[in-house]
Amino acid sequence: MYRESSAFSPLEKLVLDYSVTMTQTPVEVSDELFAALRANFNEAQMVELTAAIAWENYRARFNHAFGVEAQGFSDGAYHPLPERSRETHGLQKE
């Protein structure tokens, strides 16, 4: 869905592609994807980005294994886009 949305820049879509790839099992980041990322990020930034994605994957899998569910801390901490805005950004109706 994010690939077709105008809500994300090309670089943001590239980072999302990387995140999706790193979340899959097995993790298989293509040379093309890595090269595209390296064209935008230096080595330190790549390490930080990769570590952040890996950390979130670790937390999600750890919590799932122990049956840890959301504690409700973020309930109400988001605001859904108005219908017109959702359509403008290519997002589907909920």
N, C-alpha and C. Protein backbone atom coordinates (compact mmCIF):
# COMPACT_ATOMS: atom_id res chain seq x y z
N MET A 1 0.82 -1.19 0.00
CA MET A 1 0.00 0.00 0.00
C MET A 1 0.87 1.25 0.00
N TYR A 2 1.96 1.27 0.76
CA TYR A 2 2.81 2.46 0.82
C TYR A 2 3.48 2.76 -0.52
N ARG A 3 3.73 1.74 -1.33
CA ARG A 3 4.44 1.94 -2.60
C ARG A 3 3.63 2.85 -3.54
N GLU A 4 2.30 2.75 -3.48
CA GLU A 4 1.45 3.53 -4.38
C GLU A 4 1.03 4.87 -3.76
N SER A 5 1.32 5.07 -2.50
CA SER A 5 0.87 6.27 -1.79
C SER A 5 1.78 7.46 -2.08
N SER A 6 1.17 8.62 -2.21
CA SER A 6 1.95 9.85 -2.37
C SER A 6 2.32 10.45 -1.02
N ALA A 7 1.94 9.78 0.06
CA ALA A 7 2.24 10.28 1.41
C ALA A 7 3.71 10.08 1.78
N PHE A 8 4.42 9.23 1.02
CA PHE A 8 5.82 8.94 1.33
C PHE A 8 6.72 9.38 0.19
N SER A 9 7.88 9.92 0.55
CA SER A 9 8.87 10.30 -0.45
C SER A 9 9.53 9.03 -1.02
N PRO A 10 10.21 9.15 -2.14
CA PRO A 10 10.93 7.98 -2.67
C PRO A 10 11.92 7.40 -1.65
N LEU A 11 12.61 8.24 -0.90
CA LEU A 11 13.55 7.75 0.10
C LEU A 11 12.82 7.03 1.23
N GLU A 12 11.70 7.57 1.67
CA GLU A 12 10.92 6.89 2.71
C GLU A 12 10.42 5.53 2.22
N LYS A 13 10.01 5.45 0.98
CA LYS A 13 9.57 4.17 0.42
C LYS A 13 10.73 3.17 0.37
N LEU A 14 11.92 3.67 0.06
CA LEU A 14 13.10 2.81 0.04
C LEU A 14 13.39 2.25 1.43
N VAL A 15 13.29 3.10 2.45
CA VAL A 15 13.50 2.66 3.83
C VAL A 15 12.42 1.66 4.24
N LEU A 16 11.19 1.90 3.84
CA LEU A 16 10.12 0.94 4.13
C LEU A 16 10.36 -0.39 3.42
N ASP A 17 10.85 -0.34 2.19
CA ASP A 17 11.21 -1.58 1.49
C ASP A 17 12.26 -2.36 2.30
N TYR A 18 13.25 -1.65 2.80
CA TYR A 18 14.31 -2.26 3.60
C TYR A 18 13.72 -2.86 4.88
N SER A 19 12.84 -2.13 5.53
CA SER A 19 12.21 -2.61 6.76
C SER A 19 11.41 -3.88 6.50
N VAL A 20 10.64 -3.89 5.43
CA VAL A 20 9.85 -5.08 5.08
C VAL A 20 10.77 -6.26 4.80
N THR A 21 11.83 -6.03 4.06
CA THR A 21 12.78 -7.09 3.72
C THR A 21 13.44 -7.64 4.98
N MET A 22 13.82 -6.76 5.90
CA MET A 22 14.47 -7.21 7.13
C MET A 22 13.51 -7.94 8.06
N THR A 23 12.23 -7.74 7.88
CA THR A 23 11.23 -8.39 8.74
C THR A 23 10.90 -9.79 8.25
N GLN A 24 11.17 -10.06 6.99
CA GLN A 24 10.87 -11.38 6.43
C GLN A 24 11.86 -12.43 6.93
N THR A 25 11.42 -13.68 6.90
CA THR A 25 12.30 -14.79 7.26
C THR A 25 12.39 -15.71 6.07
N PRO A 26 13.57 -15.99 5.54
CA PRO A 26 14.86 -15.45 5.97
C PRO A 26 15.05 -14.02 5.46
N VAL A 27 15.94 -13.30 6.11
CA VAL A 27 16.26 -11.93 5.69
C VAL A 27 17.18 -12.02 4.47
N GLU A 28 16.72 -11.47 3.37
CA GLU A 28 17.51 -11.49 2.14
C GLU A 28 17.46 -10.11 1.49
N VAL A 29 18.37 -9.24 1.90
CA VAL A 29 18.44 -7.90 1.34
C VAL A 29 19.22 -7.98 0.03
N SER A 30 18.59 -7.57 -1.05
CA SER A 30 19.25 -7.65 -2.35
C SER A 30 20.39 -6.63 -2.44
N ASP A 31 21.35 -6.93 -3.30
CA ASP A 31 22.45 -6.00 -3.53
C ASP A 31 21.93 -4.67 -4.07
N GLU A 32 20.89 -4.74 -4.90
CA GLU A 32 20.32 -3.52 -5.49
C GLU A 32 19.69 -2.63 -4.42
N LEU A 33 18.95 -3.24 -3.50
CA LEU A 33 18.32 -2.47 -2.42
C LEU A 33 19.39 -1.86 -1.53
N PHE A 34 20.38 -2.64 -1.16
CA PHE A 34 21.44 -2.12 -0.30
C PHE A 34 22.20 -0.98 -0.98
N ALA A 35 22.49 -1.13 -2.27
CA ALA A 35 23.19 -0.08 -3.00
C ALA A 35 22.36 1.20 -3.07
N ALA A 36 21.06 1.06 -3.27
CA ALA A 36 20.19 2.24 -3.31
C ALA A 36 20.17 2.95 -1.96
N LEU A 37 20.17 2.18 -0.89
CA LEU A 37 20.22 2.78 0.45
C LEU A 37 21.56 3.47 0.67
N ARG A 38 22.66 2.82 0.29
CA ARG A 38 24.00 3.39 0.48
C ARG A 38 24.19 4.66 -0.34
N ALA A 39 23.45 4.81 -1.41
CA ALA A 39 23.52 6.03 -2.21
C ALA A 39 22.91 7.21 -1.45
N ASN A 40 22.12 6.92 -0.42
CA ASN A 40 21.45 7.96 0.36
C ASN A 40 21.95 8.09 1.79
N PHE A 41 22.56 7.05 2.31
CA PHE A 41 22.99 7.04 3.71
C PHE A 41 24.46 6.64 3.81
N ASN A 42 25.18 7.28 4.74
CA ASN A 42 26.57 6.88 4.96
C ASN A 42 26.60 5.63 5.83
N GLU A 43 27.80 5.13 6.10
CA GLU A 43 27.93 3.87 6.83
C GLU A 43 27.31 3.95 8.23
N ALA A 44 27.57 5.02 8.94
CA ALA A 44 27.02 5.17 10.30
C ALA A 44 25.49 5.22 10.27
N GLN A 45 24.94 5.91 9.30
CA GLN A 45 23.48 5.99 9.17
C GLN A 45 22.88 4.63 8.83
N MET A 46 23.57 3.87 7.99
CA MET A 46 23.10 2.52 7.66
C MET A 46 23.10 1.62 8.89
N VAL A 47 24.14 1.73 9.70
CA VAL A 47 24.21 0.93 10.92
C VAL A 47 23.06 1.31 11.84
N GLU A 48 22.82 2.61 12.01
CA GLU A 48 21.73 3.06 12.89
C GLU A 48 20.37 2.61 12.36
N LEU A 49 20.13 2.76 11.08
CA LEU A 49 18.86 2.34 10.48
C LEU A 49 18.65 0.84 10.65
N THR A 50 19.67 0.07 10.34
CA THR A 50 19.58 -1.39 10.44
C THR A 50 19.36 -1.82 11.88
N ALA A 51 20.06 -1.18 12.81
CA ALA A 51 19.90 -1.52 14.23
C ALA A 51 18.49 -1.20 14.71
N ALA A 52 17.94 -0.07 14.28
CA ALA A 52 16.58 0.30 14.70
C ALA A 52 15.55 -0.70 14.19
N ILE A 53 15.69 -1.11 12.94
CA ILE A 53 14.76 -2.09 12.37
C ILE A 53 14.91 -3.43 13.08
N ALA A 54 16.16 -3.85 13.28
CA ALA A 54 16.41 -5.13 13.96
C ALA A 54 15.86 -5.11 15.38
N TRP A 55 16.02 -3.99 16.08
CA TRP A 55 15.52 -3.87 17.46
C TRP A 55 14.00 -4.01 17.50
N GLU A 56 13.30 -3.36 16.59
CA GLU A 56 11.84 -3.46 16.56
C GLU A 56 11.40 -4.88 16.23
N ASN A 57 12.11 -5.54 15.33
CA ASN A 57 11.80 -6.94 15.02
C ASN A 57 12.05 -7.83 16.24
N TYR A 58 13.14 -7.58 16.95
CA TYR A 58 13.45 -8.34 18.17
C TYR A 58 12.31 -8.18 19.18
N ARG A 59 11.92 -6.93 19.42
CA ARG A 59 10.87 -6.67 20.41
C ARG A 59 9.56 -7.33 20.01
N ALA A 60 9.20 -7.23 18.75
CA ALA A 60 7.93 -7.82 18.29
C ALA A 60 7.94 -9.33 18.45
N ARG A 61 9.04 -9.97 18.09
CA ARG A 61 9.12 -11.43 18.19
C ARG A 61 9.19 -11.88 19.64
N PHE A 62 9.94 -11.16 20.45
CA PHE A 62 10.04 -11.49 21.88
C PHE A 62 8.66 -11.39 22.54
N ASN A 63 7.99 -10.27 22.30
CA ASN A 63 6.67 -10.07 22.89
C ASN A 63 5.68 -11.13 22.41
N HIS A 64 5.74 -11.47 21.14
CA HIS A 64 4.84 -12.49 20.60
C HIS A 64 5.10 -13.84 21.27
N ALA A 65 6.36 -14.20 21.44
CA ALA A 65 6.70 -15.49 22.05
C ALA A 65 6.17 -15.61 23.47
N PHE A 66 6.15 -14.50 24.20
CA PHE A 66 5.67 -14.51 25.58
C PHE A 66 4.22 -14.07 25.72
N GLY A 67 3.56 -13.84 24.60
CA GLY A 67 2.16 -13.44 24.64
C GLY A 67 1.94 -12.05 25.20
N VAL A 68 2.96 -11.21 25.12
CA VAL A 68 2.84 -9.84 25.61
C VAL A 68 2.02 -9.04 24.61
N GLU A 69 0.97 -8.43 25.11
CA GLU A 69 0.10 -7.63 24.24
C GLU A 69 0.24 -6.15 24.57
N ALA A 70 -0.25 -5.32 23.69
CA ALA A 70 -0.20 -3.88 23.90
C ALA A 70 -0.85 -3.52 25.22
N GLN A 71 -0.27 -2.57 25.91
CA GLN A 71 -0.76 -2.16 27.21
C GLN A 71 -1.69 -0.95 27.14
N GLY A 72 -1.98 -0.48 25.94
CA GLY A 72 -2.92 0.62 25.78
C GLY A 72 -2.33 2.00 25.97
N PHE A 73 -1.00 2.09 26.04
CA PHE A 73 -0.37 3.39 26.26
C PHE A 73 -0.58 4.35 25.10
N SER A 74 -0.78 3.82 23.91
CA SER A 74 -0.93 4.70 22.76
C SER A 74 -2.39 4.87 22.34
N ASP A 75 -3.32 4.28 23.09
CA ASP A 75 -4.73 4.44 22.75
C ASP A 75 -5.07 5.93 22.67
N GLY A 76 -5.62 6.32 21.55
CA GLY A 76 -6.01 7.72 21.36
C GLY A 76 -4.85 8.62 21.00
N ALA A 77 -3.64 8.06 20.84
CA ALA A 77 -2.47 8.89 20.54
C ALA A 77 -2.28 9.09 19.04
N TYR A 78 -3.28 8.78 18.27
CA TYR A 78 -3.21 8.99 16.84
C TYR A 78 -4.49 9.66 16.40
N HIS A 79 -4.43 10.23 15.25
CA HIS A 79 -5.61 10.89 14.71
C HIS A 79 -5.79 10.39 13.28
N PRO A 80 -6.88 9.66 13.01
CA PRO A 80 -7.10 9.16 11.65
C PRO A 80 -7.24 10.32 10.67
N LEU A 81 -6.74 10.11 9.46
CA LEU A 81 -6.88 11.13 8.43
C LEU A 81 -8.35 11.28 8.04
N PRO A 82 -8.80 12.50 7.78
CA PRO A 82 -10.15 12.67 7.26
C PRO A 82 -10.28 11.92 5.94
N GLU A 83 -11.46 11.51 5.58
CA GLU A 83 -11.68 10.69 4.39
C GLU A 83 -11.08 11.32 3.14
N ARG A 84 -11.27 12.60 2.96
CA ARG A 84 -10.74 13.28 1.77
C ARG A 84 -9.21 13.17 1.72
N SER A 85 -8.57 13.37 2.85
CA SER A 85 -7.11 13.29 2.91
C SER A 85 -6.65 11.86 2.65
N ARG A 86 -7.36 10.88 3.19
CA ARG A 86 -7.00 9.47 2.97
C ARG A 86 -7.05 9.15 1.48
N GLU A 87 -8.07 9.64 0.80
CA GLU A 87 -8.19 9.38 -0.63
C GLU A 87 -7.09 10.09 -1.41
N THR A 88 -6.75 11.30 -0.99
CA THR A 88 -5.69 12.07 -1.64
C THR A 88 -4.36 11.33 -1.58
N HIS A 89 -4.11 10.67 -0.46
CA HIS A 89 -2.84 9.97 -0.26
C HIS A 89 -2.90 8.52 -0.71
N GLY A 90 -3.97 8.11 -1.36
CA GLY A 90 -4.07 6.76 -1.89
C GLY A 90 -4.26 5.69 -0.84
N LEU A 91 -4.79 6.07 0.32
CA LEU A 91 -5.01 5.10 1.39
C LEU A 91 -6.42 4.57 1.31
N GLN A 92 -6.59 3.31 1.62
CA GLN A 92 -7.90 2.68 1.54
C GLN A 92 -8.73 3.01 2.77
N LYS A 93 -10.03 2.90 2.60
CA LYS A 93 -10.94 3.09 3.73
C LYS A 93 -10.75 1.97 4.72
N GLU A 94 -10.92 2.30 6.00
CA GLU A 94 -10.80 1.29 7.06
C GLU A 94 -12.06 0.48 7.16
